[in-house]
Amino acid sequence: MAQSTSIQYLKGIGPKRAKSFAAHGVCTIEDLLYYFPRRYEDRTNFADISELKEGQFYTIKAQVRSSRSHSSWRRRSFSITEALLTDPTGDISCVWFNQPYLNQYLKTGSSLILYGKVQLYNARLQMDNPEFEFVGGEDDDSLNIGRIVPVYTLPQGFSQRSLRQVVKNAMDEFLPKINDCLPFDLRTRNNLLNLAQSLLNIHFPQSMDLQKQAHSRLSFEEFLVFQLPLVLRKRKRKEKKGIQHTVDGRLTGDFISALPFKLTSAQEKVIGEIKADMSSPMAMQRLLQGDVGSGKTVVATLASLIAVQGGYQSAFMAPTEILARQHYDKISSQLSGLVFSGRKVRVALLTGQDKEKQKICREIKDGKIDLVIGTHALLNEELSFSKLGFVVIDEQHKFGVGQRALLPKKGNNPDVLIMTATPIPRTLAITLYGDLDISVLNQLPPGRLPVKTL
């Protein structure tokens, strides 16, 4: 059998149990090998009941002294199962809620391994809803006793013991045949285990140190797989020619001079990074991150004017009509006094509800609009640009990946600036998958109060 074989053909599975695994995303033998434990129990050294302390999680091995199930005196339909567990050092009470069937299994004298948090109730220690596992006559079982034991999220119809055995059977058969995608020299340079050792120690670790090494190696492989497409996209982008803008001009200088405030050092630094990109023959793909009020819009406006002064059009896309109108009002006001080639900079607003939508689209197509600010309406297939050279996408996390790619396609590989005030966690994913350089505005303008996120 190959690793791509359906799990139902593995010993102890079959079609019915395969459906239970499928509900957890495990369909093939390879999926099973990568179905990792959610935690571990160190069964080489159980905690003594006499040493338990309130508020801590423990794994104990004990025998049932007595058990009973009864209804809550407040809610008759709510059942409570109680068991008194004992080991040579003392006793502890364990309680399970709304599981009356447990009383059938908690027979006096039966041995259990329990894991849970110790609480104080009525001046005595107890475990509420602890996870437990029965210990039968096979106490010397090498998978379940006397070692660090994996604890899995259980598919329906499985116990921890039976699932461990299924995983062990699969590993015994397939680990000797497994191919490692990481070359030997790469593993050596980064002090990584091979794949077979990693899978063995992530499921049945010989020590927690080896488990951490296995986790590190598997994480390394996962991030490497994430990064490879990024490297290939970067190479491809370098091979594809973009627009080489002239970044210094009278229009951008007049814009900065007309601002009623002085740019922060962070804004000046980011503008320098953007100018370096836009003066390059390769297309810019840059993420601009900064808190609300840090001055991202001013930076984006200046970058848009770099394209405009070179004879190109700029497009500024916002996720909502309200935000688009706010940008339009603010930017129009800032540009109202500027003269370019004997005329004013022509700014337009395009939204889905605009009554003059058709007229604005014609003017954009004819090159009569220098900077268009709009919503998803900019993605309309009927809209075309005369000479699109720069694209700004605000609040990028509110657009889908496909949507973000549509607007730049309306130009000949234009420069793209993506803005966000919430870089984590979604922007981290975009950084991994989207081939973006990063600029950060980490300084607020003078007099601006810090943003508090509640």
Protein backbone atom coordinates (compact mmCIF):
# COMPACT_ATOMS: atom_id res chain seq x y z
CA MET A 1 0.00 0.00 0.00
CA ALA A 2 1.04 3.60 -0.66
CA GLN A 3 0.63 6.52 1.74
CA SER A 4 -2.06 7.90 -0.57
CA THR A 5 -4.16 4.75 -0.04
CA SER A 6 -7.53 5.22 1.67
CA ILE A 7 -7.34 4.71 5.40
CA GLN A 8 -10.12 2.12 5.29
CA TYR A 9 -7.63 -0.47 4.02
CA LEU A 10 -5.43 -0.11 7.08
CA LYS A 11 -5.68 -2.93 9.62
CA GLY A 12 -8.37 -2.23 12.21
CA ILE A 13 -10.19 0.48 10.22
CA GLY A 14 -12.64 -0.57 7.48
CA PRO A 15 -15.30 1.59 5.75
CA LYS A 16 -17.31 2.49 8.89
CA ARG A 17 -14.36 3.72 10.92
CA ALA A 18 -12.96 5.45 7.83
CA LYS A 19 -16.06 7.69 7.85
CA SER A 20 -15.31 8.65 11.46
CA PHE A 21 -11.77 9.62 10.45
CA ALA A 22 -13.05 11.55 7.42
CA ALA A 23 -15.04 13.81 9.75
CA HIS A 24 -11.65 14.91 11.16
CA GLY A 25 -10.06 15.40 7.75
CA VAL A 26 -8.20 12.07 7.81
CA CYS A 27 -8.83 10.21 4.55
CA THR A 28 -5.50 8.62 3.63
CA ILE A 29 -2.71 6.83 5.48
CA GLU A 30 -0.56 9.94 5.05
CA ASP A 31 -3.29 12.00 6.74
CA LEU A 32 -3.16 9.59 9.69
CA LEU A 33 0.61 9.98 10.01
CA TYR A 34 0.04 13.75 10.26
CA TYR A 35 -2.87 13.47 12.72
CA PHE A 36 -0.87 14.74 15.66
CA PRO A 37 -1.69 14.43 19.38
CA ARG A 38 -3.30 17.41 21.08
CA ARG A 39 -1.29 16.84 24.27
CA TYR A 40 0.88 14.29 26.11
CA GLU A 41 0.80 12.54 29.46
CA ASP A 42 4.02 11.59 31.21
CA ARG A 43 3.17 8.12 32.53
CA THR A 44 6.68 7.41 33.66
CA ASN A 45 5.96 9.23 36.90
CA PHE A 46 2.35 9.73 38.07
CA ALA A 47 1.52 12.36 40.65
CA ASP A 48 0.63 11.09 44.13
CA ILE A 49 -2.83 12.11 45.31
CA SER A 50 -1.35 13.40 48.56
CA GLU A 51 0.77 15.91 46.57
CA LEU A 52 -2.07 17.43 44.54
CA LYS A 53 -2.59 21.17 44.84
CA GLU A 54 -5.55 23.35 43.96
CA GLY A 55 -5.55 25.00 40.53
CA GLN A 56 -2.99 22.67 38.90
CA PHE A 57 -3.38 20.01 36.18
CA TYR A 58 -2.21 16.51 37.07
CA THR A 59 -2.07 12.98 35.69
CA ILE A 60 -2.77 10.36 38.36
CA LYS A 61 -3.19 6.60 38.46
CA ALA A 62 -5.78 5.40 40.97
CA GLN A 63 -8.42 2.79 41.78
CA VAL A 64 -12.15 3.33 42.13
CA ARG A 65 -13.17 2.96 45.77
CA SER A 66 -16.84 3.86 45.19
CA SER A 67 -19.08 5.60 42.66
CA ARG A 68 -22.64 6.84 42.37
CA SER A 69 -24.85 8.82 39.98
CA HIS A 70 -27.63 11.16 41.09
CA SER A 71 -29.67 14.14 39.91
CA SER A 72 -28.95 17.70 40.87
CA TRP A 73 -31.27 18.96 43.60
CA ARG A 74 -31.68 22.20 41.64
CA ARG A 75 -32.32 20.64 38.22
CA ARG A 76 -33.72 17.14 38.25
CA SER A 77 -32.76 16.57 34.60
CA PHE A 78 -29.10 17.36 35.34
CA SER A 79 -27.15 14.28 36.41
CA ILE A 80 -23.97 14.13 38.47
CA THR A 81 -21.65 11.13 38.59
CA GLU A 82 -19.21 10.99 41.49
CA ALA A 83 -16.37 8.58 42.13
CA LEU A 84 -13.91 8.31 44.99
CA LEU A 85 -10.46 7.45 43.66
CA THR A 86 -7.60 6.20 45.81
CA ASP A 87 -3.89 5.46 45.54
CA PRO A 88 -1.44 4.42 48.29
CA THR A 89 -1.04 8.06 49.40
CA GLY A 90 -4.64 9.25 49.66
CA ASP A 91 -8.10 9.78 48.14
CA ILE A 92 -9.66 12.31 45.77
CA SER A 93 -13.20 12.83 44.53
CA CYS A 94 -13.88 13.04 40.78
CA VAL A 95 -17.09 14.48 39.32
CA TRP A 96 -18.62 14.22 35.84
CA PHE A 97 -21.70 16.18 34.78
CA ASN A 98 -24.56 14.90 32.60
CA GLN A 99 -22.83 11.58 31.87
CA PRO A 100 -24.92 9.10 33.92
CA TYR A 101 -23.73 6.13 31.85
CA LEU A 102 -20.27 6.43 33.42
CA ASN A 103 -21.58 4.82 36.60
CA GLN A 104 -21.81 1.51 34.70
CA TYR A 105 -18.08 1.56 33.97
CA LEU A 106 -16.69 2.99 37.21
CA LYS A 107 -16.68 -0.37 39.02
CA THR A 108 -15.15 -0.63 42.46
CA GLY A 109 -11.55 -1.84 42.18
CA SER A 110 -11.05 -0.81 38.53
CA SER A 111 -7.84 1.07 37.76
CA LEU A 112 -7.85 4.38 35.91
CA ILE A 113 -5.45 6.98 34.63
CA LEU A 114 -6.98 10.45 34.99
CA TYR A 115 -5.99 13.88 33.78
CA GLY A 116 -7.62 17.10 34.95
CA LYS A 117 -7.53 20.25 36.99
CA VAL A 118 -7.75 19.99 40.76
CA GLN A 119 -10.36 22.27 42.35
CA LEU A 120 -11.36 22.98 45.93
CA TYR A 121 -15.01 22.17 46.71
CA ASN A 122 -16.52 22.11 50.21
CA ALA A 123 -13.05 22.21 51.74
CA ARG A 124 -11.86 19.13 49.84
CA LEU A 125 -9.95 18.61 46.61
CA GLN A 126 -11.71 17.18 43.56
CA MET A 127 -11.33 16.87 39.80
CA ASP A 128 -14.21 18.15 37.66
CA ASN A 129 -14.81 16.29 34.38
CA PRO A 130 -11.33 14.76 34.20
CA GLU A 131 -10.30 12.83 31.12
CA PHE A 132 -9.73 9.21 32.02
CA GLU A 133 -8.64 5.90 30.61
CA PHE A 134 -9.12 2.43 32.05
CA VAL A 135 -6.05 0.33 32.74
CA GLY A 136 -6.68 -3.35 32.14
CA GLY A 137 -4.56 -6.38 32.77
CA GLU A 138 -1.98 -5.22 30.22
CA ASP A 139 -0.37 -2.68 32.55
CA ASP A 140 2.98 -3.36 30.94
CA ASP A 141 1.63 -2.29 27.52
CA SER A 142 4.49 -0.30 25.98
CA LEU A 143 2.10 2.13 24.21
CA ASN A 144 0.02 3.16 27.20
CA ILE A 145 2.04 2.74 30.40
CA GLY A 146 5.56 3.64 31.53
CA ARG A 147 6.21 6.24 28.83
CA ILE A 148 5.16 9.65 27.48
CA VAL A 149 1.76 8.85 26.01
CA PRO A 150 -0.01 10.78 23.21
CA VAL A 151 -3.59 11.98 23.74
CA TYR A 152 -5.57 12.53 20.52
CA THR A 153 -8.82 14.15 19.54
CA LEU A 154 -10.89 10.99 19.15
CA PRO A 155 -12.90 10.08 16.06
CA GLN A 156 -16.23 8.48 16.90
CA GLY A 157 -15.90 4.83 17.87
CA PHE A 158 -12.31 5.01 19.09
CA SER A 159 -10.72 4.99 22.52
CA GLN A 160 -7.28 6.46 23.16
CA ARG A 161 -5.83 2.96 23.43
CA SER A 162 -7.33 1.74 20.16
CA LEU A 163 -6.31 4.88 18.26
CA ARG A 164 -2.75 4.66 19.55
CA GLN A 165 -2.57 1.11 18.26
CA VAL A 166 -3.88 2.12 14.83
CA VAL A 167 -1.31 4.92 14.57
CA LYS A 168 1.46 2.58 15.74
CA ASN A 169 0.50 -0.04 13.14
CA ALA A 170 0.59 2.58 10.39
CA MET A 171 3.96 3.88 11.51
CA ASP A 172 5.51 0.44 11.75
CA GLU A 173 4.49 -0.28 8.16
CA PHE A 174 5.09 3.07 6.46
CA LEU A 175 7.86 4.94 8.27
CA PRO A 176 10.62 2.75 6.76
CA LYS A 177 9.28 3.66 3.28
CA ILE A 178 8.74 7.38 3.82
CA ASN A 179 10.58 9.87 1.61
CA ASP A 180 12.08 12.96 3.24
CA CYS A 181 11.54 16.13 1.20
CA LEU A 182 14.33 17.96 3.03
CA PRO A 183 17.84 17.21 1.66
CA PHE A 184 20.40 15.82 4.07
CA ASP A 185 22.64 18.90 3.92
CA LEU A 186 19.70 21.20 4.69
CA ARG A 187 18.77 19.09 7.73
CA THR A 188 22.38 19.03 8.88
CA ARG A 189 22.83 22.81 8.58
CA ASN A 190 19.68 23.44 10.60
CA ASN A 191 20.17 20.58 13.10
CA LEU A 192 16.89 18.90 12.12
CA LEU A 193 15.68 15.34 12.60
CA ASN A 194 14.79 13.34 9.53
CA LEU A 195 11.09 12.93 8.71
CA ALA A 196 10.76 9.37 10.05
CA GLN A 197 12.34 10.32 13.39
CA SER A 198 10.12 13.41 13.58
CA LEU A 199 6.86 11.54 12.99
CA LEU A 200 7.87 8.85 15.49
CA ASN A 201 8.67 11.40 18.19
CA ILE A 202 5.65 13.58 17.54
CA HIS A 203 3.38 10.57 18.12
CA PHE A 204 5.37 8.47 20.60
CA PRO A 205 8.16 10.69 21.96
CA GLN A 206 11.04 9.07 23.77
CA SER A 207 11.41 12.35 25.70
CA MET A 208 9.79 15.79 25.62
CA ASP A 209 13.07 17.18 24.30
CA LEU A 210 12.81 14.90 21.27
CA GLN A 211 9.14 15.86 20.91
CA LYS A 212 10.18 19.53 20.69
CA GLN A 213 12.83 18.66 18.12
CA ALA A 214 10.23 16.78 16.08
CA HIS A 215 7.83 19.73 16.31
CA SER A 216 10.59 22.12 15.19
CA ARG A 217 11.49 19.98 12.19
CA LEU A 218 7.87 19.58 11.04
CA SER A 219 7.26 23.32 11.54
CA PHE A 220 10.40 24.09 9.54
CA GLU A 221 9.12 21.95 6.68
CA GLU A 222 5.68 23.60 6.78
CA PHE A 223 7.10 27.11 6.67
CA LEU A 224 9.52 26.12 3.92
CA VAL A 225 6.59 24.95 1.81
CA PHE A 226 4.92 28.33 2.49
CA GLN A 227 8.06 30.24 1.50
CA LEU A 228 8.93 28.42 -1.73
CA PRO A 229 6.05 29.91 -3.76
CA LEU A 230 7.00 33.32 -2.37
CA VAL A 231 10.57 32.95 -3.61
CA LEU A 232 9.35 31.82 -7.01
CA ARG A 233 6.94 34.76 -7.24
CA LYS A 234 9.74 37.17 -6.32
CA ARG A 235 11.92 35.75 -9.06
CA LYS A 236 9.07 35.96 -11.54
CA ARG A 237 8.35 39.55 -10.55
CA LYS A 238 11.96 40.53 -11.12
CA GLU A 239 11.78 39.08 -14.60
CA LYS A 240 8.63 41.08 -15.42
CA LYS A 241 9.22 44.74 -16.23
CA GLY A 242 7.13 47.39 -14.49
CA ILE A 243 6.93 51.18 -14.75
CA GLN A 244 10.03 53.21 -13.93
CA HIS A 245 8.64 56.47 -12.52
CA THR A 246 10.39 59.78 -12.11
CA VAL A 247 9.90 60.22 -8.38
CA ASP A 248 11.06 63.82 -7.90
CA GLY A 249 8.96 66.52 -9.48
CA ARG A 250 7.25 69.84 -8.90
CA LEU A 251 3.81 68.31 -8.21
CA THR A 252 4.97 66.17 -5.29
CA GLY A 253 7.09 69.00 -3.93
CA ASP A 254 4.14 71.43 -4.06
CA PHE A 255 1.94 68.84 -2.33
CA ILE A 256 4.33 68.47 0.60
CA SER A 257 4.78 72.24 0.86
CA ALA A 258 1.01 72.80 0.93
CA LEU A 259 0.39 70.41 3.81
CA PRO A 260 -0.60 72.23 7.01
CA PHE A 261 1.65 69.96 9.04
CA LYS A 262 5.15 68.53 8.92
CA LEU A 263 5.63 64.92 7.91
CA THR A 264 6.81 62.61 10.68
CA SER A 265 10.18 60.92 10.38
CA ALA A 266 8.34 57.60 9.94
CA GLN A 267 6.38 59.03 6.98
CA GLU A 268 9.56 60.39 5.41
CA LYS A 269 11.23 57.00 5.81
CA VAL A 270 8.30 55.15 4.20
CA ILE A 271 8.10 57.70 1.37
CA GLY A 272 11.78 57.05 0.72
CA GLU A 273 11.11 53.29 0.50
CA ILE A 274 8.21 53.86 -1.89
CA LYS A 275 10.24 56.21 -4.08
CA ALA A 276 13.02 53.63 -4.30
CA ASP A 277 10.47 51.06 -5.46
CA MET A 278 8.73 53.34 -7.95
CA SER A 279 12.00 54.50 -9.53
CA SER A 280 12.94 50.86 -10.11
CA PRO A 281 12.03 49.08 -13.37
CA MET A 282 10.35 46.34 -11.30
CA ALA A 283 6.74 46.76 -10.18
CA MET A 284 6.24 47.67 -6.53
CA GLN A 285 4.24 45.32 -4.29
CA ARG A 286 4.36 46.96 -0.86
CA LEU A 287 2.32 46.65 2.32
CA LEU A 288 1.96 49.83 4.39
CA GLN A 289 0.97 49.17 7.99
CA GLY A 290 0.15 51.80 10.56
CA ASP A 291 -2.36 52.62 13.28
CA VAL A 292 -5.38 54.77 12.54
CA GLY A 293 -4.17 58.37 12.39
CA SER A 294 -0.54 57.53 11.60
CA GLY A 295 -0.72 59.25 8.19
CA LYS A 296 -1.06 56.36 5.71
CA THR A 297 -3.41 58.31 3.42
CA VAL A 298 -0.97 61.21 3.00
CA VAL A 299 1.78 58.77 2.04
CA ALA A 300 -0.54 57.03 -0.45
CA THR A 301 -1.61 60.38 -1.93
CA LEU A 302 1.99 61.46 -2.44
CA ALA A 303 2.78 58.13 -4.13
CA SER A 304 -0.27 58.57 -6.37
CA LEU A 305 1.01 62.01 -7.43
CA ILE A 306 4.37 60.50 -8.42
CA ALA A 307 2.50 58.46 -11.02
CA VAL A 308 0.29 61.41 -12.05
CA GLN A 309 3.22 63.77 -12.66
CA GLY A 310 4.67 61.14 -15.00
CA GLY A 311 1.50 61.04 -17.10
CA TYR A 312 -0.05 57.98 -15.48
CA GLN A 313 -3.35 57.49 -13.70
CA SER A 314 -3.75 56.38 -10.08
CA ALA A 315 -6.58 54.36 -8.52
CA PHE A 316 -7.44 54.32 -4.82
CA MET A 317 -9.82 51.54 -3.72
CA ALA A 318 -11.59 51.50 -0.33
CA PRO A 319 -13.90 48.75 1.02
CA THR A 320 -16.96 50.93 1.73
CA GLU A 321 -18.65 53.91 0.13
CA ILE A 322 -18.39 55.91 3.37
CA LEU A 323 -14.62 55.39 3.55
CA ALA A 324 -14.23 56.12 -0.17
CA ARG A 325 -16.10 59.42 0.25
CA GLN A 326 -13.99 60.34 3.26
CA HIS A 327 -10.82 59.74 1.23
CA TYR A 328 -12.24 61.68 -1.72
CA ASP A 329 -13.20 64.70 0.39
CA LYS A 330 -9.86 64.77 2.19
CA ILE A 331 -7.65 64.21 -0.86
CA SER A 332 -9.65 66.60 -3.07
CA SER A 333 -9.21 69.31 -0.45
CA GLN A 334 -5.46 68.69 -0.21
CA LEU A 335 -5.02 68.78 -4.01
CA SER A 336 -7.40 71.68 -4.73
CA GLY A 337 -4.66 74.30 -4.79
CA LEU A 338 -2.16 72.32 -6.86
CA VAL A 339 -1.51 73.07 -10.56
CA PHE A 340 -0.08 70.43 -12.88
CA SER A 341 0.78 71.06 -16.57
CA GLY A 342 -1.21 74.28 -16.46
CA ARG A 343 -4.30 72.65 -14.91
CA LYS A 344 -5.52 71.25 -11.64
CA VAL A 345 -5.16 67.59 -10.70
CA ARG A 346 -8.40 65.88 -11.75
CA VAL A 347 -9.85 63.73 -8.98
CA ALA A 348 -13.03 61.63 -9.27
CA LEU A 349 -15.17 59.48 -6.98
CA LEU A 350 -16.60 56.24 -8.35
CA THR A 351 -19.05 54.12 -6.35
CA GLY A 352 -21.74 51.63 -7.26
CA GLN A 353 -24.48 54.15 -6.43
CA ASP A 354 -23.01 57.08 -8.39
CA LYS A 355 -25.54 58.58 -10.84
CA GLU A 356 -22.74 59.81 -13.11
CA LYS A 357 -21.00 56.44 -13.14
CA GLN A 358 -21.05 56.05 -16.92
CA LYS A 359 -19.68 59.55 -17.48
CA ILE A 360 -16.87 59.00 -14.96
CA CYS A 361 -15.97 55.67 -16.55
CA ARG A 362 -15.69 57.35 -19.99
CA GLU A 363 -13.46 60.07 -18.57
CA ILE A 364 -11.22 57.49 -16.92
CA LYS A 365 -10.96 55.58 -20.19
CA ASP A 366 -10.16 58.78 -22.10
CA GLY A 367 -7.46 59.77 -19.61
CA LYS A 368 -9.34 62.82 -18.33
CA ILE A 369 -9.13 61.62 -14.70
CA ASP A 370 -5.75 61.60 -12.92
CA LEU A 371 -6.79 60.01 -9.63
CA VAL A 372 -9.96 57.98 -9.12
CA ILE A 373 -11.10 57.03 -5.63
CA GLY A 374 -13.76 54.36 -5.35
CA THR A 375 -15.14 51.12 -3.98
CA HIS A 376 -15.58 47.70 -5.59
CA ALA A 377 -16.98 49.64 -8.55
CA LEU A 378 -13.36 50.04 -9.68
CA LEU A 379 -13.31 46.29 -10.32
CA ASN A 380 -16.17 46.46 -12.84
CA GLU A 381 -15.23 44.70 -16.07
CA GLU A 382 -16.60 47.63 -18.09
CA LEU A 383 -14.16 50.06 -16.47
CA SER A 384 -10.87 50.51 -18.29
CA PHE A 385 -8.04 52.97 -17.76
CA SER A 386 -6.14 54.99 -20.30
CA LYS A 387 -2.81 54.57 -18.52
CA LEU A 388 -3.01 53.07 -15.02
CA GLY A 389 0.33 53.36 -13.27
CA PHE A 390 -0.38 53.19 -9.55
CA VAL A 391 -2.90 51.35 -7.36
CA VAL A 392 -3.75 51.86 -3.67
CA ILE A 393 -5.87 49.29 -1.82
CA ASP A 394 -7.03 50.45 1.61
CA GLU A 395 -8.10 48.08 4.41
CA GLN A 396 -6.80 45.14 2.38
CA HIS A 397 -8.20 42.49 4.75
CA LYS A 398 -11.73 43.43 3.66
CA PHE A 399 -11.03 42.40 0.08
CA GLY A 400 -10.56 38.86 -1.16
CA VAL A 401 -7.27 37.77 -2.71
CA GLY A 402 -8.93 37.61 -6.14
CA GLN A 403 -10.44 41.07 -5.75
CA ARG A 404 -7.10 42.61 -4.85
CA ALA A 405 -5.57 41.13 -8.00
CA LEU A 406 -8.24 42.47 -10.36
CA LEU A 407 -7.52 46.20 -10.15
CA PRO A 408 -3.78 46.02 -11.01
CA LYS A 409 -4.70 43.92 -14.07
CA LYS A 410 -6.38 47.01 -15.54
CA GLY A 411 -2.91 48.48 -16.08
CA ASN A 412 0.42 47.36 -17.51
CA ASN A 413 1.97 45.95 -14.34
CA PRO A 414 1.40 49.09 -12.20
CA ASP A 415 2.92 49.71 -8.80
CA VAL A 416 0.70 48.55 -5.93
CA LEU A 417 0.49 49.90 -2.37
CA ILE A 418 -1.66 47.95 0.09
CA MET A 419 -2.62 49.63 3.36
CA THR A 420 -3.82 48.18 6.64
CA ALA A 421 -4.18 49.10 10.29
CA THR A 422 -4.59 45.45 11.36
CA PRO A 423 -1.55 43.46 10.19
CA ILE A 424 -1.98 40.40 12.40
CA PRO A 425 -2.94 37.69 11.80
CA ARG A 426 -4.29 38.06 8.30
CA THR A 427 -1.59 40.35 6.99
CA LEU A 428 0.99 37.87 8.19
CA ALA A 429 -0.60 35.33 5.88
CA ILE A 430 -0.56 37.82 3.03
CA THR A 431 3.12 38.44 3.71
CA LEU A 432 3.76 34.71 3.47
CA TYR A 433 1.64 34.12 0.37
CA GLY A 434 1.42 37.49 -1.35
CA ASP A 435 5.02 38.52 -2.02
CA LEU A 436 4.80 41.90 -0.29
CA ASP A 437 7.55 44.18 0.95
CA ILE A 438 6.63 45.85 4.23
CA SER A 439 6.69 49.44 5.42
CA VAL A 440 5.57 50.46 8.91
CA LEU A 441 4.36 53.83 10.18
CA ASN A 442 5.23 53.47 13.84
CA GLN A 443 5.01 57.16 14.77
CA LEU A 444 1.93 59.34 15.27
CA PRO A 445 1.88 63.02 14.20
CA PRO A 446 2.51 65.57 16.98
CA GLY A 447 -0.56 66.13 19.17
CA ARG A 448 -2.26 62.92 18.03
CA LEU A 449 -3.37 60.73 20.93
CA PRO A 450 -2.38 57.05 20.86
CA VAL A 451 -5.02 54.63 19.57
CA LYS A 452 -6.51 52.33 22.20
CA THR A 453 -7.94 49.04 20.99
CA LEU A 454 -10.68 47.66 23.24
